[in-house]
Amino acid sequence: MGRIIEGSQMEKTPVVLLKEKNGSTFIGTKVRQKPGKQPGSYIFEFSADGGDSFIGTSTGEKVIKNGKSCNKYAPVEVEQGDKVAIFGDTQLNDKLAKVKDGEQVHITFNEFKINENSGRAYADYKVEVL
């Protein structure tokens, strides 16, 4: 008879939600990036170092925000050095993909802006390598 493998509860990595308020910030050290579920999307893993962004885990419930269905998040306290994830949108994916693993960054969500050519809103971020 062989070894019996017991299951373990999967731990959910807290998610940094920068777009909850204009001017929110996150400081962290990039650990790695991996492809997301959608083509061209990424998940960025960081070691948290500071900032005032909302950080939470999905409750499994859905809420309507800006006319779209999205996950509801419960706040989570993280300590310096804890692992967190950032699910990038188009602009953030482009900027964070240029950050090397091991580099510390300061991310600021400025606000939503209107693209003058398309008329669509996009999230504007400042990403600074420290």
Protein backbone atom coordinates (compact mmCIF):
# COMPACT_ATOMS: atom_id res chain seq x y z
CA MET A 1 0.00 0.00 0.00
CA GLY A 2 1.28 3.45 -0.89
CA ARG A 3 1.24 6.81 0.78
CA ILE A 4 -2.10 8.57 1.20
CA ILE A 5 -1.98 12.20 0.12
CA GLU A 6 -4.25 14.47 2.11
CA GLY A 7 -5.69 17.61 0.55
CA SER A 8 -4.95 21.02 1.93
CA GLN A 9 -6.95 24.19 1.86
CA MET A 10 -5.79 26.42 -0.93
CA GLU A 11 -4.66 29.74 0.42
CA LYS A 12 -5.97 32.76 -1.47
CA THR A 13 -3.40 35.40 -2.29
CA PRO A 14 -4.68 38.87 -1.35
CA VAL A 15 -5.30 41.17 -4.32
CA VAL A 16 -4.26 44.83 -4.51
CA LEU A 17 -7.20 46.89 -5.81
CA LEU A 18 -5.63 50.17 -6.87
CA LYS A 19 -8.69 51.61 -8.66
CA GLU A 20 -10.84 51.85 -5.53
CA LYS A 21 -9.88 55.53 -5.10
CA ASN A 22 -7.93 58.17 -7.00
CA GLY A 23 -4.42 58.64 -5.65
CA SER A 24 -4.19 55.20 -4.02
CA THR A 25 -0.65 53.81 -3.83
CA PHE A 26 1.14 50.50 -3.53
CA ILE A 27 4.82 49.88 -2.84
CA GLY A 28 6.16 46.41 -3.40
CA THR A 29 8.95 44.24 -4.74
CA LYS A 30 8.09 42.29 -7.88
CA VAL A 31 8.46 38.55 -7.32
CA ARG A 32 7.19 37.25 -10.68
CA GLN A 33 4.55 37.54 -13.36
CA LYS A 34 2.47 34.83 -14.95
CA PRO A 35 -0.18 34.73 -17.67
CA GLY A 36 -3.77 35.38 -16.62
CA LYS A 37 -6.84 33.48 -17.80
CA GLN A 38 -7.53 35.84 -20.69
CA PRO A 39 -5.09 36.16 -23.63
CA GLY A 40 -2.76 39.11 -23.04
CA SER A 41 -3.59 39.40 -19.33
CA TYR A 42 -1.07 38.96 -16.53
CA ILE A 43 -0.99 38.33 -12.81
CA PHE A 44 1.87 40.10 -11.03
CA GLU A 45 3.05 38.80 -7.66
CA PHE A 46 4.66 41.22 -5.24
CA SER A 47 6.09 41.25 -1.77
CA ALA A 48 4.16 44.06 -0.05
CA ASP A 49 6.23 46.97 1.28
CA GLY A 50 3.63 49.69 1.88
CA GLY A 51 1.02 52.02 0.42
CA ASP A 52 -2.63 52.77 1.11
CA SER A 53 -4.43 50.70 -1.57
CA PHE A 54 -7.32 48.45 -0.68
CA ILE A 55 -6.10 44.85 -0.35
CA GLY A 56 -8.60 42.01 -0.11
CA THR A 57 -9.63 38.50 -1.01
CA SER A 58 -12.63 37.51 -3.08
CA THR A 59 -15.73 36.55 -1.10
CA GLY A 60 -17.14 34.53 -4.01
CA GLU A 61 -20.02 36.98 -4.31
CA LYS A 62 -20.66 39.30 -7.26
CA VAL A 63 -21.48 43.01 -7.18
CA ILE A 64 -22.31 45.52 -9.90
CA LYS A 65 -19.75 48.33 -10.37
CA ASN A 66 -20.05 50.84 -13.19
CA GLY A 67 -22.64 48.62 -14.83
CA LYS A 68 -20.41 45.53 -14.80
CA SER A 69 -20.48 42.38 -12.68
CA CYS A 70 -17.33 41.98 -10.57
CA ASN A 71 -16.09 40.09 -7.55
CA LYS A 72 -16.79 41.40 -4.08
CA TYR A 73 -13.66 41.64 -1.91
CA ALA A 74 -13.27 41.51 1.86
CA PRO A 75 -10.42 43.59 3.32
CA VAL A 76 -7.30 41.76 4.46
CA GLU A 77 -4.49 43.05 6.64
CA VAL A 78 -1.06 42.35 5.16
CA GLU A 79 2.30 42.72 6.80
CA GLN A 80 5.47 43.92 5.15
CA GLY A 81 6.84 41.07 3.05
CA ASP A 82 3.49 39.28 2.59
CA LYS A 83 2.71 38.02 -0.92
CA VAL A 84 0.02 39.93 -2.83
CA ALA A 85 -1.20 39.90 -6.44
CA ILE A 86 -2.04 42.61 -8.93
CA PHE A 87 -4.28 41.74 -11.89
CA GLY A 88 -3.23 44.28 -14.49
CA ASP A 89 -5.37 46.06 -17.03
CA THR A 90 -3.91 47.11 -20.38
CA GLN A 91 -1.89 50.11 -19.18
CA LEU A 92 -0.71 48.49 -15.95
CA ASN A 93 0.26 45.25 -17.75
CA ASP A 94 2.41 47.28 -20.15
CA LYS A 95 4.21 49.13 -17.36
CA LEU A 96 4.63 46.29 -14.84
CA ALA A 97 5.92 43.91 -17.54
CA LYS A 98 8.94 46.23 -17.86
CA VAL A 99 9.76 45.92 -14.14
CA LYS A 100 12.35 43.22 -13.43
CA ASP A 101 11.83 40.56 -10.77
CA GLY A 102 13.42 41.83 -7.54
CA GLU A 103 12.85 45.52 -8.29
CA GLN A 104 10.83 47.63 -5.86
CA VAL A 105 8.13 49.84 -7.37
CA HIS A 106 5.82 52.60 -6.25
CA ILE A 107 2.48 52.47 -8.12
CA THR A 108 -0.01 55.33 -8.00
CA PHE A 109 -3.50 55.14 -9.51
CA ASN A 110 -4.06 58.67 -10.78
CA GLU A 111 -7.63 58.49 -12.05
CA PHE A 112 -9.78 57.37 -14.94
CA LYS A 113 -9.18 59.45 -18.06
CA ILE A 114 -10.93 59.66 -21.42
CA ASN A 115 -9.11 58.56 -24.55
CA GLU A 116 -9.77 61.43 -26.95
CA ASN A 117 -9.65 59.17 -30.02
CA SER A 118 -12.03 56.44 -28.86
CA GLY A 119 -14.03 58.26 -26.19
CA ARG A 120 -13.49 55.32 -23.82
CA ALA A 121 -12.24 55.63 -20.26
CA TYR A 122 -8.93 54.10 -19.18
CA ALA A 123 -7.14 53.82 -15.84
CA ASP A 124 -4.04 56.05 -15.59
CA TYR A 125 -1.13 54.87 -13.41
CA LYS A 126 2.31 56.15 -12.50
CA VAL A 127 4.80 53.29 -11.98
CA GLU A 128 8.20 54.25 -10.56
CA VAL A 129 11.09 51.86 -9.91
CA LEU A 130 12.66 52.83 -6.59
